[in-house]
Amino acid sequence: MIAVFSWTESLNEFVSSSLREMQI
């Protein structure tokens, strides 16, 4: 369960950074 949460958090961070780059 903890591993899934960690993976989801990593994915969320990756998506956030990607969206930020697209906006620039």
Protein backbone atom coordinates (compact mmCIF):
# COMPACT_ATOMS: atom_id res chain seq x y z
CA MET A 1 0.00 0.00 0.00
CA ILE A 2 2.78 2.41 0.92
CA ALA A 3 4.65 1.51 -2.27
CA VAL A 4 1.58 2.38 -4.35
CA PHE A 5 1.26 5.75 -2.61
CA SER A 6 4.94 6.50 -3.21
CA TRP A 7 4.61 5.59 -6.91
CA THR A 8 1.49 7.73 -7.25
CA GLU A 9 3.24 10.68 -5.62
CA SER A 10 6.18 10.33 -7.99
CA LEU A 11 3.84 10.18 -10.98
CA ASN A 12 1.92 13.23 -9.76
CA GLU A 13 5.16 15.17 -9.40
CA PHE A 14 6.22 14.18 -12.92
CA VAL A 15 2.87 15.28 -14.38
CA SER A 16 3.01 18.58 -12.51
CA SER A 17 6.48 19.38 -13.84
CA SER A 18 5.42 18.40 -17.37
CA LEU A 19 2.39 20.69 -17.26
CA ARG A 20 4.58 23.50 -15.96
CA GLU A 21 6.96 23.11 -18.91
CA MET A 22 4.07 23.09 -21.38
CA GLN A 23 2.68 26.35 -19.98
CA ILE A 24 6.00 28.16 -20.50
